[in-house]
Amino acid sequence: MPQTPSTSLKERRRTDYGFFLPYQTRWSDNDQYAHINNSIYYHFFDSIINTYLIQHCGLTPPSSPLIGLVVSSFCQYFSPISFPVVLDLGLKVTTLGKSSVTYEVGVFEEGKDVPSAVGGYTHVFVENESRKSVKMDDTLRKGLEKLFRPPGELQAKL
């Protein structure tokens, strides 16, 4: 699970993330316990990551020559969220390889600096047709580099 040596995921703050996407929770996001179901958090991750890839990395699913396949994922939950609330989803890149990237997403209630959850996943980029791992192209890599925040390093927001 991605963590900096000195900072746990629970200690993340808004300033740790470089790109944000607002999300209006829906009634159907709640489960029988009256809070956002754990599976919905993975919808949040997909929403912000794919929005960023489309807007800043030149991907146009499903016709892009490269696509990202999820090979691992994680989420730590710190406080419950319930409909109706607006969320601010924050995104950063924690690991950037030649053909893979690990994203971290902070889930913040609007106006709060402490995350309710932190999670993310690792994409391996493959050719859309053959599904064989390939090196990221320059447009994709440059877009992801803008969000790359190695452990202990702060960068300016987009």
C-alpha atoms as a PDB file:
ATOM      1  CA  MET A   1       0.000   0.000   0.000  1.00  0.00           C
ATOM      2  CA  PRO A   2       1.527   3.391  -1.003  1.00  0.00           C
ATOM      3  CA  GLN A   3       2.704   5.407   1.988  1.00  0.00           C
ATOM      4  CA  THR A   4       5.505   7.836   2.593  1.00  0.00           C
ATOM      5  CA  PRO A   5       7.864   6.696   5.341  1.00  0.00           C
ATOM      6  CA  SER A   6       6.861   9.513   7.687  1.00  0.00           C
ATOM      7  CA  THR A   7       3.216  10.068   6.777  1.00  0.00           C
ATOM      8  CA  SER A   8       0.341   7.618   7.049  1.00  0.00           C
ATOM      9  CA  LEU A   9      -2.534   7.830   4.591  1.00  0.00           C
ATOM     10  CA  LYS A  10      -4.770   9.134   7.373  1.00  0.00           C
ATOM     11  CA  GLU A  11      -2.517  12.190   7.700  1.00  0.00           C
ATOM     12  CA  ARG A  12      -3.020  13.287   4.080  1.00  0.00           C
ATOM     13  CA  ARG A  13      -4.341  16.803   3.429  1.00  0.00           C
ATOM     14  CA  ARG A  14      -5.734  18.597   0.373  1.00  0.00           C
ATOM     15  CA  THR A  15      -2.329  20.125  -0.363  1.00  0.00           C
ATOM     16  CA  ASP A  16      -0.981  16.626  -1.037  1.00  0.00           C
ATOM     17  CA  TYR A  17      -3.013  16.402  -4.268  1.00  0.00           C
ATOM     18  CA  GLY A  18      -2.591  18.248  -7.557  1.00  0.00           C
ATOM     19  CA  PHE A  19      -5.908  17.700  -9.362  1.00  0.00           C
ATOM     20  CA  PHE A  20      -9.453  17.812  -7.988  1.00  0.00           C
ATOM     21  CA  LEU A  21     -12.834  16.680  -9.233  1.00  0.00           C
ATOM     22  CA  PRO A  22     -16.100  17.509  -7.418  1.00  0.00           C
ATOM     23  CA  TYR A  23     -18.585  14.684  -6.966  1.00  0.00           C
ATOM     24  CA  GLN A  24     -22.205  15.026  -5.873  1.00  0.00           C
ATOM     25  CA  THR A  25     -23.137  11.886  -3.984  1.00  0.00           C
ATOM     26  CA  ARG A  26     -26.307  10.121  -5.071  1.00  0.00           C
ATOM     27  CA  TRP A  27     -29.051   8.472  -3.028  1.00  0.00           C
ATOM     28  CA  SER A  28     -28.090   5.150  -4.604  1.00  0.00           C
ATOM     29  CA  ASP A  29     -24.511   5.491  -3.281  1.00  0.00           C
ATOM     30  CA  ASN A  30     -25.767   4.799   0.257  1.00  0.00           C
ATOM     31  CA  ASP A  31     -26.095   1.240   1.499  1.00  0.00           C
ATOM     32  CA  GLN A  32     -28.436  -0.250   4.097  1.00  0.00           C
ATOM     33  CA  TYR A  33     -26.220   1.183   6.856  1.00  0.00           C
ATOM     34  CA  ALA A  34     -26.928   4.736   5.583  1.00  0.00           C
ATOM     35  CA  HIS A  35     -23.416   5.497   4.424  1.00  0.00           C
ATOM     36  CA  ILE A  36     -21.602   5.348   1.077  1.00  0.00           C
ATOM     37  CA  ASN A  37     -20.998   1.697   0.231  1.00  0.00           C
ATOM     38  CA  ASN A  38     -17.361   0.622   0.042  1.00  0.00           C
ATOM     39  CA  SER A  39     -17.705  -0.436  -3.610  1.00  0.00           C
ATOM     40  CA  ILE A  40     -18.695   3.121  -4.596  1.00  0.00           C
ATOM     41  CA  TYR A  41     -15.256   4.423  -3.601  1.00  0.00           C
ATOM     42  CA  TYR A  42     -13.817   2.516  -6.558  1.00  0.00           C
ATOM     43  CA  HIS A  43     -16.272   4.408  -8.798  1.00  0.00           C
ATOM     44  CA  PHE A  44     -14.821   7.617  -7.332  1.00  0.00           C
ATOM     45  CA  PHE A  45     -11.292   6.449  -8.198  1.00  0.00           C
ATOM     46  CA  ASP A  46     -12.283   5.506 -11.752  1.00  0.00           C
ATOM     47  CA  SER A  47     -14.074   8.836 -12.216  1.00  0.00           C
ATOM     48  CA  ILE A  48     -11.196  11.116 -11.236  1.00  0.00           C
ATOM     49  CA  ILE A  49      -8.439   9.026 -12.828  1.00  0.00           C
ATOM     50  CA  ASN A  50     -10.201   8.636 -16.163  1.00  0.00           C
ATOM     51  CA  THR A  51     -11.282  12.298 -16.187  1.00  0.00           C
ATOM     52  CA  TYR A  52      -7.641  13.277 -15.730  1.00  0.00           C
ATOM     53  CA  LEU A  53      -6.409  10.836 -18.399  1.00  0.00           C
ATOM     54  CA  ILE A  54      -8.950  12.190 -20.908  1.00  0.00           C
ATOM     55  CA  GLN A  55      -8.455  15.891 -20.097  1.00  0.00           C
ATOM     56  CA  HIS A  56      -4.673  15.979 -19.535  1.00  0.00           C
ATOM     57  CA  CYS A  57      -3.105  12.873 -21.092  1.00  0.00           C
ATOM     58  CA  GLY A  58      -4.713  12.610 -24.524  1.00  0.00           C
ATOM     59  CA  LEU A  59      -6.616   9.370 -23.953  1.00  0.00           C
ATOM     60  CA  THR A  60      -9.928   8.870 -25.758  1.00  0.00           C
ATOM     61  CA  PRO A  61     -11.424   5.583 -24.555  1.00  0.00           C
ATOM     62  CA  PRO A  62     -12.151   3.176 -26.122  1.00  0.00           C
ATOM     63  CA  SER A  63     -10.324   4.247 -29.291  1.00  0.00           C
ATOM     64  CA  SER A  64      -6.911   5.130 -27.790  1.00  0.00           C
ATOM     65  CA  PRO A  65      -4.044   2.926 -28.925  1.00  0.00           C
ATOM     66  CA  LEU A  66      -2.991   2.577 -25.248  1.00  0.00           C
ATOM     67  CA  ILE A  67      -5.280   1.702 -22.362  1.00  0.00           C
ATOM     68  CA  GLY A  68      -4.644   1.255 -18.666  1.00  0.00           C
ATOM     69  CA  LEU A  69      -5.504  -2.033 -16.992  1.00  0.00           C
ATOM     70  CA  VAL A  70      -5.851  -2.134 -13.204  1.00  0.00           C
ATOM     71  CA  VAL A  71      -3.446  -4.650 -11.653  1.00  0.00           C
ATOM     72  CA  SER A  72      -3.873  -3.747  -7.968  1.00  0.00           C
ATOM     73  CA  SER A  73      -6.048  -1.486  -5.837  1.00  0.00           C
ATOM     74  CA  PHE A  74      -6.480  -0.381  -2.234  1.00  0.00           C
ATOM     75  CA  CYS A  75      -8.608   1.797   0.025  1.00  0.00           C
ATOM     76  CA  GLN A  76      -8.403   2.847   3.660  1.00  0.00           C
ATOM     77  CA  TYR A  77     -11.547   4.302   5.233  1.00  0.00           C
ATOM     78  CA  PHE A  78     -11.316   6.846   8.056  1.00  0.00           C
ATOM     79  CA  SER A  79     -14.799   8.316   8.487  1.00  0.00           C
ATOM     80  CA  PRO A  80     -18.211   7.518   6.992  1.00  0.00           C
ATOM     81  CA  ILE A  81     -19.818   9.661   4.309  1.00  0.00           C
ATOM     82  CA  SER A  82     -23.561   9.745   3.610  1.00  0.00           C
ATOM     83  CA  PHE A  83     -25.815  11.193   0.934  1.00  0.00           C
ATOM     84  CA  PRO A  84     -26.339  14.116   0.417  1.00  0.00           C
ATOM     85  CA  VAL A  85     -22.835  15.548   0.421  1.00  0.00           C
ATOM     86  CA  VAL A  86     -20.522  17.016  -2.195  1.00  0.00           C
ATOM     87  CA  LEU A  87     -17.087  15.433  -2.285  1.00  0.00           C
ATOM     88  CA  ASP A  88     -13.791  16.757  -3.560  1.00  0.00           C
ATOM     89  CA  LEU A  89     -11.733  13.928  -5.023  1.00  0.00           C
ATOM     90  CA  GLY A  90      -7.999  14.674  -5.054  1.00  0.00           C
ATOM     91  CA  LEU A  91      -5.510  12.897  -7.330  1.00  0.00           C
ATOM     92  CA  LYS A  92      -1.763  12.401  -7.339  1.00  0.00           C
ATOM     93  CA  VAL A  93       0.699   9.953  -8.888  1.00  0.00           C
ATOM     94  CA  THR A  94       2.923   8.174  -6.380  1.00  0.00           C
ATOM     95  CA  THR A  95       4.902   5.875  -8.699  1.00  0.00           C
ATOM     96  CA  LEU A  96       5.660   6.433 -12.378  1.00  0.00           C
ATOM     97  CA  GLY A  97       7.340   3.670 -14.349  1.00  0.00           C
ATOM     98  CA  LYS A  98       7.866   3.118 -18.063  1.00  0.00           C
ATOM     99  CA  SER A  99       4.571   1.319 -18.601  1.00  0.00           C
ATOM    100  CA  SER A 100       2.861   1.592 -15.216  1.00  0.00           C
ATOM    101  CA  VAL A 101       1.585   4.255 -12.841  1.00  0.00           C
ATOM    102  CA  THR A 102       0.228   4.182  -9.308  1.00  0.00           C
ATOM    103  CA  TYR A 103      -2.426   6.743  -8.422  1.00  0.00           C
ATOM    104  CA  GLU A 104      -3.587   7.892  -5.017  1.00  0.00           C
ATOM    105  CA  VAL A 105      -7.007   9.462  -4.477  1.00  0.00           C
ATOM    106  CA  GLY A 106      -8.017  11.438  -1.412  1.00  0.00           C
ATOM    107  CA  VAL A 107     -11.766  11.557  -0.750  1.00  0.00           C
ATOM    108  CA  PHE A 108     -12.662  14.811   1.017  1.00  0.00           C
ATOM    109  CA  GLU A 109     -16.023  16.168   2.070  1.00  0.00           C
ATOM    110  CA  GLU A 110     -16.448  19.635   0.556  1.00  0.00           C
ATOM    111  CA  GLY A 111     -14.705  22.215   2.750  1.00  0.00           C
ATOM    112  CA  LYS A 112     -12.785  19.692   4.863  1.00  0.00           C
ATOM    113  CA  ASP A 113      -9.014  19.293   4.827  1.00  0.00           C
ATOM    114  CA  VAL A 114      -8.918  15.765   6.298  1.00  0.00           C
ATOM    115  CA  PRO A 115      -9.779  12.825   4.015  1.00  0.00           C
ATOM    116  CA  SER A 116     -12.625  10.449   4.756  1.00  0.00           C
ATOM    117  CA  ALA A 117     -10.777   7.793   2.757  1.00  0.00           C
ATOM    118  CA  VAL A 118      -7.600   7.380   0.727  1.00  0.00           C
ATOM    119  CA  GLY A 119      -7.206   4.783  -1.971  1.00  0.00           C
ATOM    120  CA  GLY A 120      -6.171   4.203  -5.523  1.00  0.00           C
ATOM    121  CA  TYR A 121      -4.782   1.696  -7.941  1.00  0.00           C
ATOM    122  CA  THR A 122      -1.992   0.787 -10.333  1.00  0.00           C
ATOM    123  CA  HIS A 123      -2.466   0.869 -14.092  1.00  0.00           C
ATOM    124  CA  VAL A 124      -0.270  -1.038 -16.509  1.00  0.00           C
ATOM    125  CA  PHE A 125      -0.564   0.455 -19.978  1.00  0.00           C
ATOM    126  CA  VAL A 126      -1.111  -1.983 -22.807  1.00  0.00           C
ATOM    127  CA  GLU A 127      -1.844  -1.840 -26.512  1.00  0.00           C
ATOM    128  CA  ASN A 128      -5.602  -1.649 -26.932  1.00  0.00           C
ATOM    129  CA  GLU A 129      -5.699  -4.454 -29.509  1.00  0.00           C
ATOM    130  CA  SER A 130      -3.039  -6.933 -28.324  1.00  0.00           C
ATOM    131  CA  ARG A 131      -3.265  -6.177 -24.570  1.00  0.00           C
ATOM    132  CA  LYS A 132       0.539  -6.421 -24.358  1.00  0.00           C
ATOM    133  CA  SER A 133       2.390  -4.080 -22.025  1.00  0.00           C
ATOM    134  CA  VAL A 134       3.932  -1.064 -23.765  1.00  0.00           C
ATOM    135  CA  LYS A 135       5.905   2.021 -22.835  1.00  0.00           C
ATOM    136  CA  MET A 136       3.785   5.134 -22.265  1.00  0.00           C
ATOM    137  CA  ASP A 137       3.783   7.654 -25.102  1.00  0.00           C
ATOM    138  CA  ASP A 138       5.076  11.211 -24.474  1.00  0.00           C
ATOM    139  CA  THR A 139       1.650  12.855 -24.132  1.00  0.00           C
ATOM    140  CA  LEU A 140       0.503  10.356 -21.519  1.00  0.00           C
ATOM    141  CA  ARG A 141       3.770  10.461 -19.604  1.00  0.00           C
ATOM    142  CA  LYS A 142       3.969  14.278 -19.567  1.00  0.00           C
ATOM    143  CA  GLY A 143       0.408  14.499 -18.280  1.00  0.00           C
ATOM    144  CA  LEU A 144       1.126  12.022 -15.485  1.00  0.00           C
ATOM    145  CA  GLU A 145       4.407  13.734 -14.570  1.00  0.00           C
ATOM    146  CA  LYS A 146       2.405  16.848 -13.629  1.00  0.00           C
ATOM    147  CA  LEU A 147       0.827  14.857 -10.779  1.00  0.00           C
ATOM    148  CA  PHE A 148       3.920  12.879  -9.766  1.00  0.00           C
ATOM    149  CA  ARG A 149       4.681  13.454  -6.133  1.00  0.00           C
ATOM    150  CA  PRO A 150       7.409  11.187  -4.811  1.00  0.00           C
ATOM    151  CA  PRO A 151       7.304  10.478  -1.067  1.00  0.00           C
ATOM    152  CA  GLY A 152       8.112  13.576   0.962  1.00  0.00           C
ATOM    153  CA  GLU A 153       8.048  15.993  -1.998  1.00  0.00           C
ATOM    154  CA  LEU A 154       5.424  18.690  -2.492  1.00  0.00           C
ATOM    155  CA  GLN A 155       4.673  20.165  -5.894  1.00  0.00           C
ATOM    156  CA  ALA A 156       2.475  23.029  -7.053  1.00  0.00           C
ATOM    157  CA  LYS A 157      -1.128  22.310  -8.007  1.00  0.00           C
ATOM    158  CA  LEU A 158      -2.157  22.279 -11.670  1.00  0.00           C
END
